[in-house]
Amino acid sequence: MPQVATPQAALQTNPQSSAPGQGTLVDLLNRKKGGEVVTVAPECSVAVAVRTMCQQKVGSVIIVEHEHPVGVFTERDVMHRLVAPGRDPEMTKVSEVMTSPFASGPPEMSIREAAELMSQNRIRHLPICVQGQLLGLISSGDVLAWKLEEQELSLRHLENYCFRH
């Protein structure tokens, strides 16, 4: 059964994260609107998973078994592992086409490191996990929004410096 949940975890913000380039994944999770993660069970059909993704307006779901993440299923997986080979979404379990093992990051990872990890692995969704527990999920859009805000802040600091001296 698909679920939309806000993982319950004590997320402490890095006190130095206000400096440009110093943000961590926990900072990004704390600033995200919503923060819910859509999950499905491994035995869920791809059809149900895709309908859930559409209803929730998300590009990925986390596959959870016994409260632990075991895989990630994305729009890309639909194209490459289902549509291209001609598989039936009603008959295919999401566990058959999910990405597993999957890349993830700890909450203390810097946003810059996360962006590099996502780029190296060519992924757009990064689960945040600690000791096998799912804390949240960030997307490349979340990272981009953070970087834009960081650049605007740097520009304001530079303008203040230039026009006050």
C-alpha atoms as a PDB file:
ATOM      1  CA  MET A   1       0.000   0.000   0.000  1.00  0.00           C
ATOM      2  CA  PRO A   2       1.544   3.351  -1.010  1.00  0.00           C
ATOM      3  CA  GLN A   3       2.220   5.785   1.799  1.00  0.00           C
ATOM      4  CA  VAL A   4       3.115   9.426   2.060  1.00  0.00           C
ATOM      5  CA  ALA A   5       5.011   9.986   5.262  1.00  0.00           C
ATOM      6  CA  THR A   6       7.218  12.526   6.924  1.00  0.00           C
ATOM      7  CA  PRO A   7      10.065  10.472   8.390  1.00  0.00           C
ATOM      8  CA  GLN A   8      10.292  11.073  12.128  1.00  0.00           C
ATOM      9  CA  ALA A   9      13.871  11.964  12.910  1.00  0.00           C
ATOM     10  CA  ALA A  10      15.573  14.577  15.009  1.00  0.00           C
ATOM     11  CA  LEU A  11      17.210  16.707  12.374  1.00  0.00           C
ATOM     12  CA  GLN A  12      19.586  19.277  13.782  1.00  0.00           C
ATOM     13  CA  THR A  13      20.671  22.133  11.599  1.00  0.00           C
ATOM     14  CA  ASN A  14      24.368  22.817  11.176  1.00  0.00           C
ATOM     15  CA  PRO A  15      25.036  26.143  12.968  1.00  0.00           C
ATOM     16  CA  GLN A  16      27.675  27.075  10.366  1.00  0.00           C
ATOM     17  CA  SER A  17      25.362  26.409   7.436  1.00  0.00           C
ATOM     18  CA  SER A  18      24.496  30.080   6.986  1.00  0.00           C
ATOM     19  CA  ALA A  19      27.896  30.632   5.368  1.00  0.00           C
ATOM     20  CA  PRO A  20      27.809  30.118   1.597  1.00  0.00           C
ATOM     21  CA  GLY A  21      28.744  26.572   0.625  1.00  0.00           C
ATOM     22  CA  GLN A  22      28.374  25.194   4.160  1.00  0.00           C
ATOM     23  CA  GLY A  23      24.886  23.667   4.024  1.00  0.00           C
ATOM     24  CA  THR A  24      24.279  20.010   4.790  1.00  0.00           C
ATOM     25  CA  LEU A  25      21.559  17.626   3.697  1.00  0.00           C
ATOM     26  CA  VAL A  26      19.829  18.015   7.053  1.00  0.00           C
ATOM     27  CA  ASP A  27      19.672  21.772   6.416  1.00  0.00           C
ATOM     28  CA  LEU A  28      18.151  21.138   3.012  1.00  0.00           C
ATOM     29  CA  LEU A  29      15.597  18.687   4.435  1.00  0.00           C
ATOM     30  CA  ASN A  30      14.605  21.141   7.157  1.00  0.00           C
ATOM     31  CA  ARG A  31      13.994  23.888   4.586  1.00  0.00           C
ATOM     32  CA  LYS A  32      12.020  21.785   2.111  1.00  0.00           C
ATOM     33  CA  LYS A  33       8.333  22.453   1.795  1.00  0.00           C
ATOM     34  CA  GLY A  34       6.435  19.395   2.923  1.00  0.00           C
ATOM     35  CA  GLY A  35       9.266  16.957   3.469  1.00  0.00           C
ATOM     36  CA  GLU A  36       7.058  13.958   2.800  1.00  0.00           C
ATOM     37  CA  VAL A  37       8.495  10.858   1.188  1.00  0.00           C
ATOM     38  CA  VAL A  38       6.278   8.619  -0.919  1.00  0.00           C
ATOM     39  CA  THR A  39       6.924   4.938  -0.254  1.00  0.00           C
ATOM     40  CA  VAL A  40       5.614   1.661  -1.640  1.00  0.00           C
ATOM     41  CA  ALA A  41       6.131  -1.985  -0.719  1.00  0.00           C
ATOM     42  CA  PRO A  42       8.293  -4.242  -2.923  1.00  0.00           C
ATOM     43  CA  GLU A  43       5.278  -6.348  -3.961  1.00  0.00           C
ATOM     44  CA  CYS A  44       3.404  -3.287  -5.237  1.00  0.00           C
ATOM     45  CA  SER A  45       2.740  -3.337  -8.983  1.00  0.00           C
ATOM     46  CA  VAL A  46       4.467  -0.794 -11.171  1.00  0.00           C
ATOM     47  CA  ALA A  47       1.024   0.441 -12.259  1.00  0.00           C
ATOM     48  CA  VAL A  48       0.102   1.306  -8.659  1.00  0.00           C
ATOM     49  CA  ALA A  49       3.508   2.909  -8.048  1.00  0.00           C
ATOM     50  CA  VAL A  50       3.209   5.072 -11.181  1.00  0.00           C
ATOM     51  CA  ARG A  51      -0.355   6.125 -10.340  1.00  0.00           C
ATOM     52  CA  THR A  52       0.848   7.061  -6.858  1.00  0.00           C
ATOM     53  CA  MET A  53       3.722   9.096  -8.306  1.00  0.00           C
ATOM     54  CA  CYS A  54       1.262  10.934 -10.568  1.00  0.00           C
ATOM     55  CA  GLN A  55      -1.220  11.589  -7.752  1.00  0.00           C
ATOM     56  CA  GLN A  56       1.506  12.862  -5.425  1.00  0.00           C
ATOM     57  CA  LYS A  57       3.276  14.780  -8.219  1.00  0.00           C
ATOM     58  CA  VAL A  58       6.658  13.194  -7.490  1.00  0.00           C
ATOM     59  CA  GLY A  59       9.321  11.732  -9.744  1.00  0.00           C
ATOM     60  CA  SER A  60      10.281   8.831  -7.499  1.00  0.00           C
ATOM     61  CA  VAL A  61       9.133   6.530  -4.733  1.00  0.00           C
ATOM     62  CA  ILE A  62      11.197   4.751  -2.125  1.00  0.00           C
ATOM     63  CA  ILE A  63      10.646   1.013  -1.835  1.00  0.00           C
ATOM     64  CA  VAL A  64      10.375   0.128   1.859  1.00  0.00           C
ATOM     65  CA  GLU A  65      10.368  -3.323   3.425  1.00  0.00           C
ATOM     66  CA  HIS A  66      10.075  -3.777   7.206  1.00  0.00           C
ATOM     67  CA  GLU A  67      10.520  -0.007   7.658  1.00  0.00           C
ATOM     68  CA  HIS A  68      13.864  -0.008   5.808  1.00  0.00           C
ATOM     69  CA  PRO A  69      14.496   1.423   2.338  1.00  0.00           C
ATOM     70  CA  VAL A  70      15.471  -1.307  -0.123  1.00  0.00           C
ATOM     71  CA  GLY A  71      15.248   0.523  -3.437  1.00  0.00           C
ATOM     72  CA  VAL A  72      14.295   3.586  -5.432  1.00  0.00           C
ATOM     73  CA  PHE A  73      11.868   3.639  -8.357  1.00  0.00           C
ATOM     74  CA  THR A  74      11.939   6.652 -10.676  1.00  0.00           C
ATOM     75  CA  GLU A  75      10.439   7.974 -13.890  1.00  0.00           C
ATOM     76  CA  ARG A  76      13.644   6.885 -15.591  1.00  0.00           C
ATOM     77  CA  ASP A  77      13.128   3.324 -14.376  1.00  0.00           C
ATOM     78  CA  VAL A  78       9.671   3.386 -15.985  1.00  0.00           C
ATOM     79  CA  MET A  79      11.210   4.250 -19.361  1.00  0.00           C
ATOM     80  CA  HIS A  80      14.294   2.034 -19.299  1.00  0.00           C
ATOM     81  CA  ARG A  81      13.123  -0.993 -17.335  1.00  0.00           C
ATOM     82  CA  LEU A  82       9.432  -1.147 -18.188  1.00  0.00           C
ATOM     83  CA  VAL A  83       8.411   0.662 -21.383  1.00  0.00           C
ATOM     84  CA  ALA A  84      11.521  -0.030 -23.494  1.00  0.00           C
ATOM     85  CA  PRO A  85      11.504  -3.798 -22.829  1.00  0.00           C
ATOM     86  CA  GLY A  86       7.706  -3.949 -23.194  1.00  0.00           C
ATOM     87  CA  ARG A  87       6.830  -5.147 -19.693  1.00  0.00           C
ATOM     88  CA  ASP A  88       3.255  -5.066 -18.374  1.00  0.00           C
ATOM     89  CA  PRO A  89       2.974  -2.505 -15.521  1.00  0.00           C
ATOM     90  CA  GLU A  90       0.022  -4.366 -13.978  1.00  0.00           C
ATOM     91  CA  MET A  91       1.965  -7.644 -13.822  1.00  0.00           C
ATOM     92  CA  THR A  92       5.413  -6.294 -12.921  1.00  0.00           C
ATOM     93  CA  LYS A  93       6.325  -5.815  -9.267  1.00  0.00           C
ATOM     94  CA  VAL A  94       8.166  -2.628  -8.470  1.00  0.00           C
ATOM     95  CA  SER A  95      10.889  -4.745  -6.804  1.00  0.00           C
ATOM     96  CA  GLU A  96      11.674  -6.238 -10.237  1.00  0.00           C
ATOM     97  CA  VAL A  97      12.514  -2.877 -11.804  1.00  0.00           C
ATOM     98  CA  MET A  98      13.655  -0.681  -8.895  1.00  0.00           C
ATOM     99  CA  THR A  99      17.192   0.579  -8.497  1.00  0.00           C
ATOM    100  CA  SER A 100      18.882  -1.458  -5.789  1.00  0.00           C
ATOM    101  CA  PRO A 101      21.357  -1.008  -4.292  1.00  0.00           C
ATOM    102  CA  PHE A 102      20.886   2.743  -4.462  1.00  0.00           C
ATOM    103  CA  ALA A 103      23.027   5.767  -3.703  1.00  0.00           C
ATOM    104  CA  SER A 104      22.154   7.622  -0.506  1.00  0.00           C
ATOM    105  CA  GLY A 105      23.656  10.288   1.687  1.00  0.00           C
ATOM    106  CA  PRO A 106      23.950  10.817   5.443  1.00  0.00           C
ATOM    107  CA  PRO A 107      22.371  13.956   6.933  1.00  0.00           C
ATOM    108  CA  GLU A 108      25.765  15.518   7.669  1.00  0.00           C
ATOM    109  CA  MET A 109      26.873  15.307   4.010  1.00  0.00           C
ATOM    110  CA  SER A 110      27.399  18.732   2.477  1.00  0.00           C
ATOM    111  CA  ILE A 111      25.012  19.813  -0.239  1.00  0.00           C
ATOM    112  CA  ARG A 112      28.010  20.240  -2.530  1.00  0.00           C
ATOM    113  CA  GLU A 113      29.076  16.612  -1.911  1.00  0.00           C
ATOM    114  CA  ALA A 114      25.498  15.463  -2.509  1.00  0.00           C
ATOM    115  CA  ALA A 115      25.397  17.345  -5.819  1.00  0.00           C
ATOM    116  CA  GLU A 116      28.654  15.648  -6.857  1.00  0.00           C
ATOM    117  CA  LEU A 117      27.315  12.221  -5.817  1.00  0.00           C
ATOM    118  CA  MET A 118      24.111  12.787  -7.775  1.00  0.00           C
ATOM    119  CA  SER A 119      26.067  13.938 -10.827  1.00  0.00           C
ATOM    120  CA  GLN A 120      28.515  11.016 -10.699  1.00  0.00           C
ATOM    121  CA  ASN A 121      25.673   8.496 -10.382  1.00  0.00           C
ATOM    122  CA  ARG A 122      23.461  10.339 -12.890  1.00  0.00           C
ATOM    123  CA  ILE A 123      20.539  10.404 -10.457  1.00  0.00           C
ATOM    124  CA  ARG A 124      17.972  13.086  -9.701  1.00  0.00           C
ATOM    125  CA  HIS A 125      16.733  11.761  -6.347  1.00  0.00           C
ATOM    126  CA  LEU A 126      18.901  11.065  -3.294  1.00  0.00           C
ATOM    127  CA  PRO A 127      17.522   9.333  -0.190  1.00  0.00           C
ATOM    128  CA  ILE A 128      18.944  10.557   3.110  1.00  0.00           C
ATOM    129  CA  CYS A 129      19.550   7.602   5.422  1.00  0.00           C
ATOM    130  CA  VAL A 130      21.124   6.857   8.796  1.00  0.00           C
ATOM    131  CA  GLN A 131      21.777   3.272   9.893  1.00  0.00           C
ATOM    132  CA  GLY A 132      19.246   1.909   7.424  1.00  0.00           C
ATOM    133  CA  GLN A 133      16.530   4.393   8.400  1.00  0.00           C
ATOM    134  CA  LEU A 134      15.059   6.767   5.827  1.00  0.00           C
ATOM    135  CA  LEU A 135      15.149  10.402   6.977  1.00  0.00           C
ATOM    136  CA  GLY A 136      14.066  12.081   3.783  1.00  0.00           C
ATOM    137  CA  LEU A 137      14.644  12.560   0.092  1.00  0.00           C
ATOM    138  CA  ILE A 138      16.151  15.403  -1.892  1.00  0.00           C
ATOM    139  CA  SER A 139      15.950  16.057  -5.602  1.00  0.00           C
ATOM    140  CA  SER A 140      18.229  17.818  -8.045  1.00  0.00           C
ATOM    141  CA  GLY A 141      15.631  20.615  -8.004  1.00  0.00           C
ATOM    142  CA  ASP A 142      16.117  21.011  -4.245  1.00  0.00           C
ATOM    143  CA  VAL A 143      19.883  21.261  -4.742  1.00  0.00           C
ATOM    144  CA  LEU A 144      19.458  23.784  -7.562  1.00  0.00           C
ATOM    145  CA  ALA A 145      17.138  25.963  -5.455  1.00  0.00           C
ATOM    146  CA  TRP A 146      19.689  25.897  -2.607  1.00  0.00           C
ATOM    147  CA  LYS A 147      22.515  26.875  -4.968  1.00  0.00           C
ATOM    148  CA  LEU A 148      20.493  29.759  -6.426  1.00  0.00           C
ATOM    149  CA  GLU A 149      19.719  31.052  -2.950  1.00  0.00           C
ATOM    150  CA  GLU A 150      23.384  30.685  -2.014  1.00  0.00           C
ATOM    151  CA  GLN A 151      24.451  32.718  -5.067  1.00  0.00           C
ATOM    152  CA  GLU A 152      21.912  35.446  -4.306  1.00  0.00           C
ATOM    153  CA  LEU A 153      23.222  35.669  -0.742  1.00  0.00           C
ATOM    154  CA  SER A 154      26.824  35.882  -1.973  1.00  0.00           C
ATOM    155  CA  LEU A 155      25.841  38.607  -4.433  1.00  0.00           C
ATOM    156  CA  ARG A 156      24.136  40.616  -1.670  1.00  0.00           C
ATOM    157  CA  HIS A 157      27.239  40.315   0.529  1.00  0.00           C
ATOM    158  CA  LEU A 158      29.424  41.470  -2.349  1.00  0.00           C
ATOM    159  CA  GLU A 159      27.127  44.408  -3.146  1.00  0.00           C
ATOM    160  CA  ASN A 160      27.094  45.452   0.509  1.00  0.00           C
ATOM    161  CA  TYR A 161      30.870  45.277   0.642  1.00  0.00           C
ATOM    162  CA  CYS A 162      31.374  47.226  -2.595  1.00  0.00           C
ATOM    163  CA  PHE A 163      28.900  49.995  -1.857  1.00  0.00           C
ATOM    164  CA  ARG A 164      29.829  50.490   1.790  1.00  0.00           C
ATOM    165  CA  HIS A 165      33.578  50.778   1.253  1.00  0.00           C
END
